[in-house]
Amino acid sequence: MSKVMVFDHPLIQHKLSILRDEKTSVKEFRELVGEIAQLMCYEATRDLPLEEVDVKTPVDVAKCRRIAGKKLAVVPILRAGLGMVDGMVAMMPNVKVGHIGLFRDPETLEPVKYYFKMPPDITERDVIIVDPMLATGGSSVAAAQFLKDEGVRNIKLMCIIAAPEGVQAMQEAHPDVDIFAAALDDHLNEHGYIVPGLGDAGDRIFGTK
């Protein structure tokens, strides 16, 4: 069964409290999503392998450690996932970015794919799927399956707020995909929104309704 890591770091929790506030502006909301993703990136990449290297300083040679050639890709689920990309790229400038376009059918709540574009070497990379909200889990389950169908072997999911229903759906469909979240909320309402949540993340990032 996959691991579920919920972050309790004070900086993340402070920023999340502002993110949830209905009075937070589009500009501030967008900035906060990127900042939270950047902070979460620390933990989501904690298991990257390291190798020892000698580094010549102005004084002597230091024994240091660098990431051992691990190739990574960040794959946002469009459109809301785009808000998390810049924060992660700031932490990992050499990371490649793929895109999965999904929208949720308002009647069935099932994901519908409209775009899928990956780096040519995606099968050689560990992938972190990013989406601010893990609600029903439909989009994340589908995104992980699309990546596996391409031959991707190591996948993680990073979201800001998760619902228990979405976590369960992911664990049942993809028990090998670890989940990283800033908060695990109470439940989904009859419209498939996370409660208490923060509303529609895509609308709040891009100022649409």
Protein backbone atom coordinates (compact mmCIF):
# COMPACT_ATOMS: atom_id res chain seq x y z
CA MET A 1 0.00 0.00 0.00
CA SER A 2 1.25 3.46 -0.88
CA LYS A 3 2.34 5.90 1.79
CA VAL A 4 0.37 9.06 2.53
CA MET A 5 2.46 11.91 3.91
CA VAL A 6 0.58 14.94 5.29
CA PHE A 7 2.86 17.88 5.99
CA ASP A 8 2.66 19.62 9.34
CA HIS A 9 5.45 22.15 8.76
CA PRO A 10 4.46 25.53 10.25
CA LEU A 11 5.29 27.48 7.07
CA ILE A 12 3.14 25.20 4.94
CA GLN A 13 0.27 25.27 7.41
CA HIS A 14 0.43 29.07 7.73
CA LYS A 15 0.34 29.56 3.97
CA LEU A 16 -2.46 27.00 3.64
CA SER A 17 -4.61 28.97 6.09
CA ILE A 18 -4.36 32.02 3.80
CA LEU A 19 -4.93 29.90 0.71
CA ARG A 20 -8.24 28.60 2.10
CA ASP A 21 -9.55 32.09 2.91
CA GLU A 22 -12.29 33.11 0.48
CA LYS A 23 -11.05 36.71 0.65
CA THR A 24 -7.55 35.87 -0.66
CA SER A 25 -6.96 37.58 -4.02
CA VAL A 26 -6.16 35.78 -7.26
CA LYS A 27 -2.62 37.17 -7.23
CA GLU A 28 -1.93 36.05 -3.67
CA PHE A 29 -3.62 32.69 -4.19
CA ARG A 30 -1.49 31.99 -7.25
CA GLU A 31 1.70 32.94 -5.41
CA LEU A 32 0.81 30.81 -2.39
CA VAL A 33 0.15 27.72 -4.51
CA GLY A 34 3.66 28.03 -5.96
CA GLU A 35 5.24 28.67 -2.56
CA ILE A 36 3.51 25.70 -0.93
CA ALA A 37 4.54 23.44 -3.82
CA GLN A 38 8.12 24.63 -3.43
CA LEU A 39 8.12 23.83 0.29
CA MET A 40 6.48 20.44 -0.27
CA CYS A 41 9.09 19.62 -2.88
CA TYR A 42 11.68 19.22 -0.11
CA GLU A 43 9.91 16.22 1.37
CA ALA A 44 8.69 14.73 -1.88
CA THR A 45 12.31 14.44 -3.06
CA ARG A 46 13.79 13.32 0.26
CA ASP A 47 14.53 9.82 -1.04
CA LEU A 48 16.62 10.92 -4.03
CA PRO A 49 19.91 8.97 -4.07
CA LEU A 50 23.16 10.84 -3.39
CA GLU A 51 26.76 10.22 -4.38
CA GLU A 52 29.94 11.55 -2.77
CA VAL A 53 32.05 14.03 -4.72
CA ASP A 54 35.18 16.04 -3.99
CA VAL A 55 34.70 19.79 -4.34
CA LYS A 56 37.65 22.18 -4.39
CA THR A 57 36.87 25.16 -2.21
CA PRO A 58 39.09 28.29 -1.99
CA VAL A 59 40.63 26.69 1.11
CA ASP A 60 40.72 22.91 0.64
CA VAL A 61 38.86 19.92 -0.80
CA ALA A 62 35.44 19.21 0.72
CA LYS A 63 33.70 15.88 0.75
CA CYS A 64 30.22 16.69 -0.56
CA ARG A 65 27.13 14.88 -1.79
CA ARG A 66 25.20 15.47 -4.98
CA ILE A 67 22.08 13.89 -6.45
CA ALA A 68 23.24 10.74 -8.19
CA GLY A 69 22.08 11.33 -11.74
CA LYS A 70 18.40 10.78 -11.01
CA LYS A 71 16.18 12.05 -13.83
CA LEU A 72 12.95 13.69 -12.72
CA ALA A 73 9.85 15.04 -14.40
CA VAL A 74 7.01 17.12 -13.02
CA VAL A 75 3.65 16.45 -14.65
CA PRO A 76 0.83 18.87 -13.80
CA ILE A 77 -2.78 17.90 -14.38
CA LEU A 78 -4.18 20.82 -16.36
CA ARG A 79 -5.22 23.32 -15.61
CA ALA A 80 -4.89 23.81 -11.86
CA GLY A 81 -1.70 21.76 -11.64
CA LEU A 82 0.11 24.45 -13.62
CA GLY A 83 0.03 26.62 -10.51
CA MET A 84 2.40 24.23 -8.74
CA VAL A 85 4.99 23.89 -11.50
CA ASP A 86 7.00 27.10 -11.11
CA GLY A 87 7.64 26.46 -7.41
CA MET A 88 9.00 23.00 -8.17
CA VAL A 89 11.08 24.13 -11.15
CA ALA A 90 12.62 26.80 -8.91
CA MET A 91 13.85 24.00 -6.66
CA MET A 92 14.90 21.68 -9.50
CA PRO A 93 15.90 23.82 -12.51
CA ASN A 94 16.87 20.83 -14.65
CA VAL A 95 13.60 18.98 -14.21
CA LYS A 96 11.52 18.34 -17.33
CA VAL A 97 7.81 19.07 -17.46
CA GLY A 98 5.05 17.05 -19.10
CA HIS A 99 1.37 17.94 -19.26
CA ILE A 100 -1.82 15.95 -18.86
CA GLY A 101 -5.06 17.71 -19.76
CA LEU A 102 -8.09 16.32 -17.95
CA PHE A 103 -11.43 17.79 -17.03
CA ARG A 104 -14.11 16.35 -14.81
CA ASP A 105 -17.46 15.62 -16.41
CA PRO A 106 -19.94 17.57 -14.24
CA GLU A 107 -22.54 14.80 -14.49
CA THR A 108 -20.48 11.63 -14.00
CA LEU A 109 -17.51 13.26 -12.20
CA GLU A 110 -15.31 11.01 -14.38
CA PRO A 111 -12.09 12.39 -15.96
CA VAL A 112 -12.00 13.17 -19.67
CA LYS A 113 -8.57 13.43 -21.37
CA TYR A 114 -8.00 16.21 -23.89
CA TYR A 115 -4.18 16.63 -23.87
CA PHE A 116 -1.15 14.44 -23.19
CA LYS A 117 2.40 15.62 -23.94
CA MET A 118 5.52 14.20 -22.28
CA PRO A 119 9.30 14.64 -22.64
CA PRO A 120 10.69 12.06 -25.10
CA ASP A 121 12.65 10.31 -22.34
CA ILE A 122 9.75 10.15 -19.87
CA THR A 123 10.20 6.38 -19.36
CA GLU A 124 13.70 7.05 -17.95
CA ARG A 125 12.40 9.52 -15.37
CA ASP A 126 10.78 9.42 -11.97
CA VAL A 127 7.57 11.42 -12.23
CA ILE A 128 5.81 13.65 -9.72
CA ILE A 129 2.20 14.31 -10.70
CA VAL A 130 1.01 17.64 -9.30
CA ASP A 131 -2.57 18.85 -8.79
CA PRO A 132 -3.70 21.16 -5.99
CA MET A 133 -6.78 19.06 -5.13
CA LEU A 134 -7.19 15.31 -4.72
CA ALA A 135 -10.99 15.14 -4.55
CA THR A 136 -12.70 12.08 -6.04
CA GLY A 137 -9.32 10.86 -7.22
CA GLY A 138 -10.60 10.30 -10.74
CA SER A 139 -8.15 12.63 -12.46
CA SER A 140 -5.14 11.46 -10.47
CA VAL A 141 -6.00 7.79 -10.98
CA ALA A 142 -6.34 8.39 -14.72
CA ALA A 143 -3.15 10.47 -14.94
CA ALA A 144 -1.10 7.79 -13.18
CA GLN A 145 -2.53 5.14 -15.49
CA PHE A 146 -1.73 7.17 -18.62
CA LEU A 147 1.87 7.48 -17.41
CA LYS A 148 2.13 3.78 -16.64
CA ASP A 149 0.76 3.03 -20.10
CA GLU A 150 3.68 5.04 -21.49
CA GLY A 151 6.12 2.90 -19.50
CA VAL A 152 6.79 5.17 -16.50
CA ARG A 153 7.72 3.01 -13.52
CA ASN A 154 8.17 5.38 -10.56
CA ILE A 155 5.38 7.86 -9.83
CA LYS A 156 4.49 10.11 -6.91
CA LEU A 157 1.44 12.33 -6.45
CA MET A 158 1.72 15.73 -4.81
CA CYS A 159 -1.39 17.74 -3.94
CA ILE A 160 -2.15 20.56 -1.55
CA ILE A 161 -5.48 19.33 -0.18
CA ALA A 162 -6.71 15.72 -0.28
CA ALA A 163 -10.05 14.15 0.57
CA PRO A 164 -10.22 10.67 2.13
CA GLU A 165 -12.25 9.47 -0.88
CA GLY A 166 -9.50 10.53 -3.27
CA VAL A 167 -6.77 8.95 -1.19
CA GLN A 168 -8.70 5.69 -1.07
CA ALA A 169 -9.30 5.74 -4.83
CA MET A 170 -5.60 6.29 -5.52
CA GLN A 171 -4.48 3.59 -3.09
CA GLU A 172 -6.89 1.07 -4.58
CA ALA A 173 -5.97 1.84 -8.19
CA HIS A 174 -2.25 2.57 -7.70
CA PRO A 175 -0.91 1.09 -4.44
CA ASP A 176 2.63 1.83 -5.66
CA VAL A 177 2.11 5.63 -5.92
CA ASP A 178 2.97 7.55 -2.75
CA ILE A 179 0.81 10.59 -1.95
CA PHE A 180 2.09 13.88 -0.52
CA ALA A 181 -0.42 16.46 0.77
CA ALA A 182 -0.43 19.62 2.85
CA ALA A 183 -3.81 18.71 4.36
CA LEU A 184 -6.20 15.78 4.54
CA ASP A 185 -9.69 17.24 4.76
CA ASP A 186 -12.96 15.77 6.01
CA HIS A 187 -15.05 14.62 3.03
CA LEU A 188 -16.52 15.43 -0.37
CA ASN A 189 -19.89 17.15 -0.72
CA GLU A 190 -22.62 16.12 -3.14
CA HIS A 191 -20.95 18.15 -5.91
CA GLY A 192 -17.57 16.40 -5.51
CA TYR A 193 -15.90 19.39 -3.79
CA ILE A 194 -13.57 18.90 -0.84
CA VAL A 195 -14.97 20.06 2.52
CA PRO A 196 -13.83 22.41 3.97
CA GLY A 197 -11.36 22.69 1.06
CA LEU A 198 -10.78 26.00 -0.69
CA GLY A 199 -13.26 25.97 -3.57
CA ASP A 200 -12.22 25.41 -7.18
CA ALA A 201 -8.41 25.71 -7.28
CA GLY A 202 -8.32 26.33 -11.05
CA ASP A 203 -10.82 29.17 -10.85
CA ARG A 204 -8.97 30.75 -7.94
CA ILE A 205 -5.55 30.47 -9.64
CA PHE A 206 -6.67 31.88 -12.97
CA GLY A 207 -9.45 34.23 -11.83
CA THR A 208 -12.22 32.39 -13.68
CA LYS A 209 -15.62 31.15 -12.61
